[in-house]
Protein backbone atom coordinates (compact mmCIF):
# COMPACT_ATOMS: atom_id res chain seq x y z
CA MET A 1 52.64 52.40 3.96
CA PRO A 2 55.53 50.26 2.52
CA ASP A 3 57.24 51.68 -0.58
CA ARG A 4 56.26 48.79 -2.64
CA GLU A 5 52.70 49.60 -1.90
CA ARG A 6 53.30 53.36 -2.43
CA VAL A 7 54.59 53.05 -5.54
CA ARG A 8 51.84 50.54 -6.74
CA SER A 9 49.21 52.77 -5.76
CA SER A 10 51.09 55.67 -7.52
CA LEU A 11 50.90 53.67 -10.70
CA GLU A 12 47.13 53.08 -10.51
CA ASN A 13 46.52 56.46 -9.76
CA PRO A 14 44.07 57.99 -12.54
CA LEU A 15 46.68 61.15 -12.93
CA VAL A 16 49.33 59.03 -13.39
CA GLU A 17 47.54 56.65 -16.13
CA ARG A 18 46.49 59.93 -18.02
CA PHE A 19 49.93 61.25 -17.85
CA VAL A 20 51.46 58.19 -19.19
CA ILE A 21 48.93 58.07 -22.20
CA ALA A 22 49.45 61.84 -22.55
CA VAL A 23 53.14 60.93 -23.45
CA ILE A 24 52.32 57.92 -25.66
CA VAL A 25 50.23 60.41 -27.83
CA PHE A 26 52.89 63.09 -27.86
CA ASN A 27 55.70 60.39 -28.86
CA ALA A 28 53.30 59.50 -31.62
CA ILE A 29 53.22 62.97 -32.90
CA THR A 30 56.98 63.64 -32.80
CA ILE A 31 57.77 60.42 -34.39
CA GLY A 32 55.47 61.50 -37.19
CA ALA A 33 57.14 64.94 -37.25
CA GLU A 34 60.24 63.49 -38.28
CA THR A 35 59.23 62.18 -41.50
CA SER A 36 58.72 65.98 -42.49
CA PRO A 37 61.85 67.29 -43.90
CA PHE A 38 60.68 71.09 -43.15
CA LEU A 39 60.46 70.23 -39.59
CA ILE A 40 63.75 68.53 -39.27
CA GLU A 41 65.52 71.29 -40.57
CA ARG A 42 64.10 73.43 -38.17
CA ILE A 43 63.33 71.71 -34.80
CA GLY A 44 65.12 68.49 -35.32
CA GLY A 45 67.27 68.69 -32.54
CA LEU A 46 64.21 69.71 -30.41
CA LEU A 47 62.63 66.45 -31.77
CA HIS A 48 65.70 64.18 -30.97
CA VAL A 49 65.86 65.62 -27.33
CA ALA A 50 62.06 65.08 -27.08
CA ASP A 51 62.33 61.29 -28.28
CA ARG A 52 65.12 60.58 -25.69
CA ILE A 53 63.10 62.23 -22.54
CA VAL A 54 59.96 59.94 -23.60
CA VAL A 55 62.03 56.86 -23.97
CA ALA A 56 63.33 57.63 -20.33
CA ILE A 57 60.03 58.12 -18.79
CA PHE A 58 58.75 54.72 -20.54
CA VAL A 59 61.92 53.26 -18.90
CA VAL A 60 61.29 54.86 -15.57
CA GLU A 61 57.52 53.70 -15.70
CA LEU A 62 58.34 50.18 -16.69
CA ALA A 63 60.93 49.97 -13.70
CA ALA A 64 58.57 51.15 -11.40
CA ARG A 65 55.69 48.39 -12.52
CA LEU A 66 58.37 45.76 -12.21
CA TYR A 67 59.38 47.11 -8.68
CA ALA A 68 55.74 47.44 -7.48
CA TYR A 69 54.24 44.07 -8.63
CA ARG A 70 57.45 41.72 -8.79
CA GLY A 71 56.56 38.48 -9.93
CA ALA A 72 52.83 39.30 -11.03
CA PHE A 73 54.55 41.82 -13.37
CA PHE A 74 55.54 38.77 -15.80
CA LYS A 75 52.09 37.32 -15.50
CA ASP A 76 50.19 40.01 -17.38
CA PRO A 77 50.79 40.02 -21.24
CA TRP A 78 50.29 43.61 -21.60
CA ASN A 79 53.27 43.92 -19.58
CA TRP A 80 55.42 41.50 -21.75
CA PHE A 81 54.27 43.61 -24.72
CA ASP A 82 55.39 46.96 -23.16
CA THR A 83 58.70 45.48 -22.32
CA VAL A 84 59.42 44.65 -26.24
CA ILE A 85 58.29 47.80 -27.31
CA VAL A 86 60.39 49.68 -24.83
CA ALA A 87 63.44 47.34 -25.65
CA ILE A 88 63.10 48.12 -29.32
CA ALA A 89 63.26 51.79 -28.37
CA LEU A 90 66.53 51.38 -26.47
CA VAL A 91 67.91 49.95 -29.53
CA PRO A 92 71.07 52.09 -30.70
CA ALA A 93 70.05 54.15 -34.04
CA SER A 94 73.21 53.58 -35.97
CA GLY A 95 74.97 50.19 -36.75
CA PRO A 96 73.41 46.97 -38.06
CA ALA A 97 70.65 47.42 -35.81
CA SER A 98 69.71 50.83 -37.22
CA VAL A 99 66.88 49.22 -39.47
CA LEU A 100 64.92 48.69 -36.01
CA ARG A 101 64.68 52.70 -35.99
CA ALA A 102 61.61 52.70 -37.95
CA LEU A 103 59.76 50.57 -35.54
CA ARG A 104 60.12 53.38 -33.10
CA ILE A 105 56.40 54.31 -34.03
CA LEU A 106 55.29 50.94 -32.31
CA ARG A 107 55.36 52.89 -29.09
CA ALA A 108 52.10 54.37 -30.49
CA LEU A 109 50.83 50.88 -29.74
CA ARG A 110 51.70 51.24 -25.87
CA LEU A 111 48.20 53.42 -26.14
CA VAL A 112 46.32 50.20 -26.80
CA ALA A 113 47.86 48.93 -23.21
CA ALA A 114 47.37 52.04 -21.42
CA VAL A 115 43.48 52.59 -22.40
CA PRO A 116 41.31 49.86 -20.85
CA SER A 117 38.40 50.28 -23.41
CA MET A 118 41.25 49.39 -26.30
CA ARG A 119 42.83 46.44 -24.13
CA LYS A 120 39.03 45.02 -24.13
CA VAL A 121 38.53 45.22 -27.67
CA VAL A 122 41.93 43.73 -28.16
CA ASN A 123 41.14 40.78 -25.73
CA ALA A 124 37.88 40.10 -27.41
CA LEU A 125 39.24 39.81 -31.03
CA LEU A 126 42.25 37.36 -29.17
CA ALA A 127 39.24 35.57 -27.72
CA ALA A 128 37.52 35.25 -31.22
CA THR A 129 40.63 33.83 -32.77
CA PRO A 130 39.60 30.03 -32.74
CA GLY A 131 36.08 30.78 -34.32
CA MET A 132 37.81 33.27 -36.95
CA ALA A 133 40.14 30.63 -38.01
CA SER A 134 37.29 28.29 -38.61
CA ILE A 135 35.80 30.94 -41.09
CA VAL A 136 39.31 31.66 -42.57
CA GLY A 137 39.48 27.90 -43.04
CA LEU A 138 35.94 27.96 -45.04
CA LEU A 139 36.93 30.99 -46.91
CA ALA A 140 39.74 29.54 -48.13
CA LEU A 141 38.07 26.64 -49.33
CA VAL A 142 35.35 28.47 -51.11
CA MET A 143 38.10 30.62 -52.87
CA TYR A 144 40.07 27.61 -53.88
CA VAL A 145 37.00 26.11 -55.37
CA PHE A 146 35.89 28.80 -57.25
CA ALA A 147 39.46 29.63 -58.57
CA VAL A 148 39.75 26.14 -60.03
CA LEU A 149 36.47 26.35 -61.69
CA ALA A 150 37.12 29.78 -62.96
CA THR A 151 40.61 28.69 -64.43
CA GLN A 152 38.94 25.79 -66.13
CA LEU A 153 35.94 27.88 -67.49
CA PHE A 154 37.55 31.22 -68.18
CA GLY A 155 41.40 30.64 -68.62
CA GLU A 156 41.23 30.86 -72.43
CA VAL A 157 38.82 33.62 -72.55
CA ALA A 158 40.53 36.06 -69.78
CA PRO A 159 44.17 34.90 -69.59
CA ASP A 160 45.12 38.03 -67.75
CA TYR A 161 42.75 36.95 -64.69
CA PHE A 162 42.05 33.33 -64.87
CA ASP A 163 45.29 31.67 -66.89
CA GLU A 164 46.73 29.94 -63.93
CA LEU A 165 45.70 28.85 -60.61
CA PRO A 166 47.54 31.69 -58.50
CA THR A 167 46.31 34.33 -60.79
CA SER A 168 42.75 33.14 -60.38
CA LEU A 169 43.13 33.18 -56.79
CA PHE A 170 44.26 36.89 -56.75
CA SER A 171 41.45 37.72 -59.29
CA LEU A 172 38.73 36.09 -56.98
CA PHE A 173 40.32 37.85 -54.21
CA GLN A 174 39.99 41.22 -55.80
CA VAL A 175 36.32 40.17 -56.80
CA MET A 176 35.58 39.55 -53.26
CA THR A 177 36.74 42.83 -52.00
CA GLY A 178 34.66 44.78 -54.76
CA GLU A 179 37.54 46.39 -56.25
CA ALA A 180 37.19 46.76 -59.89
CA TRP A 181 35.51 43.35 -60.24
CA PRO A 182 32.97 44.82 -62.94
CA ASP A 183 35.92 45.00 -65.27
CA ILE A 184 36.73 41.43 -64.86
CA ALA A 185 33.51 40.22 -65.33
CA ASP A 186 32.78 42.20 -68.41
CA GLN A 187 35.88 40.79 -70.17
CA VAL A 188 34.60 37.31 -69.32
CA MET A 189 30.92 38.12 -70.48
CA ASP A 190 32.00 39.66 -73.61
CA GLU A 191 32.64 35.98 -74.57
CA ILE A 192 30.68 33.79 -72.14
CA PRO A 193 27.10 35.48 -71.40
CA TRP A 194 26.11 33.36 -68.54
CA ALA A 195 29.23 34.10 -66.63
CA TRP A 196 27.77 36.66 -64.67
CA THR A 197 25.95 33.62 -62.58
CA PHE A 198 29.27 32.42 -61.42
CA PHE A 199 30.00 35.99 -59.91
CA VAL A 200 27.01 36.68 -58.60
CA ILE A 201 27.12 33.31 -56.42
CA TYR A 202 30.87 33.68 -55.61
CA ILE A 203 30.34 37.17 -54.30
CA LEU A 204 27.07 36.18 -52.37
CA MET A 205 28.94 33.41 -50.84
CA THR A 206 32.24 35.49 -50.06
CA THR A 207 31.13 39.03 -49.32
CA PHE A 208 27.54 38.48 -47.73
CA VAL A 209 27.70 35.28 -46.07
CA VAL A 210 31.52 34.42 -44.96
CA LEU A 211 32.87 37.80 -44.45
CA ASN A 212 29.55 38.63 -42.54
CA LEU A 213 30.41 35.79 -40.00
CA PHE A 214 33.59 37.32 -39.26
CA VAL A 215 31.44 39.99 -37.82
CA ALA A 216 28.98 37.95 -35.83
CA VAL A 217 32.18 35.72 -34.24
CA VAL A 218 33.70 39.13 -33.14
CA VAL A 219 30.51 40.69 -31.50
CA ASN A 220 29.50 37.29 -29.87
CA ALA A 221 33.36 37.12 -28.52
CA MET A 222 33.01 40.44 -27.02
CA ASP A 223 29.45 39.98 -25.46
CA ASP A 224 31.34 36.76 -23.75
CA TYR A 225 34.25 38.85 -22.89
CA ASN A 226 32.19 41.41 -21.40
CA THR A 227 29.99 38.65 -19.51
CA SER A 228 33.01 36.89 -18.02
CA ALA A 229 34.62 40.34 -17.22
CA GLU A 230 31.24 41.15 -15.14
CA GLU A 231 31.18 37.91 -13.36
CA GLN A 232 34.82 38.41 -12.59
CA ARG A 233 34.27 41.71 -11.04
CA THR A 234 30.71 39.97 -9.11
CA GLU A 235 32.72 37.20 -7.91
CA ASP A 236 35.59 39.83 -6.53
CA LYS A 237 32.95 41.69 -4.50
CA LEU A 238 31.61 38.47 -3.23
CA ASN A 239 35.05 37.53 -2.06
CA THR A 240 35.72 40.65 -0.35
CA VAL A 241 31.97 40.40 1.21
CA LEU A 242 33.05 36.91 2.52
CA LYS A 243 36.37 37.76 3.70
CA GLU A 244 35.01 40.52 5.71
CA LEU A 245 32.32 38.39 7.18
CA SER A 246 34.77 35.81 8.07
CA ARG A 247 37.02 38.44 9.89
CA LEU A 248 34.01 39.86 12.01
CA ASN A 249 33.18 36.26 12.95
CA ALA A 250 36.60 35.40 14.25
CA THR A 251 36.37 38.68 16.14
CA VAL A 252 33.38 37.62 17.53
CA GLU A 253 34.34 34.20 18.39
CA ALA A 254 37.52 35.70 20.08
CA MET A 255 35.25 37.98 22.01
CA ARG A 256 33.44 34.85 23.48
CA ALA A 257 36.24 32.85 24.29
CA PRO A 258 37.03 31.71 28.11
CA GLY A 259 38.66 34.30 29.72
CA THR A 260 37.43 37.15 27.67
CA THR A 261 34.75 39.99 29.02
CA ASN A 262 31.88 39.89 27.06
CA THR A 263 30.73 43.58 26.27
CA ALA A 264 27.04 43.04 26.68
CA ASP A 265 27.37 41.40 30.03
CA ALA A 266 30.34 44.15 30.92
CA ALA A 267 27.36 46.83 30.03
CA ASP A 268 24.84 45.44 32.26
CA THR A 269 27.20 45.11 35.36
CA VAL A 270 26.67 47.51 37.94
CA ASP A 271 29.39 48.82 40.43
CA THR A 272 27.60 48.33 43.95
CA THR A 273 30.74 49.45 46.08
CA ASP A 274 29.52 53.08 46.20
CA MET A 275 25.96 52.64 46.41
CA THR A 276 25.55 53.61 50.14
CA PRO A 277 22.72 56.60 50.58
CA ALA A 278 23.96 60.09 50.55
CA PRO A 279 22.97 62.03 53.91
CA ARG A 280 19.76 63.31 54.08
CA GLN A 281 19.87 67.11 54.24
CA GLU A 282 17.60 68.87 57.09
CA SER A 283 15.58 71.49 55.94
CA CYS A 284 16.11 74.90 57.65
CA THR A 285 13.22 75.72 59.46
CA CYS A 286 12.42 79.42 59.13
CA ASP A 287 10.14 81.29 61.61
CA LEU A 288 7.95 83.53 59.57
CA ARG A 289 6.28 86.23 61.38
CA ALA A 290 2.73 87.07 60.26
CA ARG A 291 1.94 90.39 59.24
């Protein structure tokens, strides 16, 4: 087996994949531990050494993948993601780029690339982006219309929440999330009793309709992604079977070619050169005397 194939099979070994996942989790824990002054005072040096070892493992693993897959390495977006994360880890901790040291925690995001189930979820979310963009546009339009109405209707009654359009947009966003919206509604309803209809209609349109569309789009995208992935696996298996059948057909055709001994005919051929009958042994005559 060539060295490149051996490295690729090693990288695809489940034990190696679990080891990489364990290193990522361990590194996330150590980076979190560095935020504690208590731990830094006692085992700060050990945490720093562990961090350097983890970075070395990441570099070796990334270099091995680049060697094993060559040009195919750059065709996978997850490989680009891992490359950026590891590159950030190599930035010096001092100097103008020291601010990037805080981005070391991004190494924990490599867990998304290392765990197949997480990759599926992220891929499904990315597949749902076009549909989500349309929903975001619809939500922005609804909020803008209601913000203009709220500014014109409640600007004088509740200036803290609806005096200007930007303030109204923020207040309606707060209402949409359900955070302290009864306080906003009570202040308006003290002066305008019918204002409850405005808030009820707005909450129904945003929270119970538009936001639920996000869930529907994401679920539909995940179903489509799973279906396409299953179809791709089926197609790969079919291609493998067709290649094997083509190979067997080529072998059979080669056996039937002129000048090639047919296996079936060879099996029926009998060597008659040594078919002479064996000499007959004469039976020995024994004289038996009668008693």
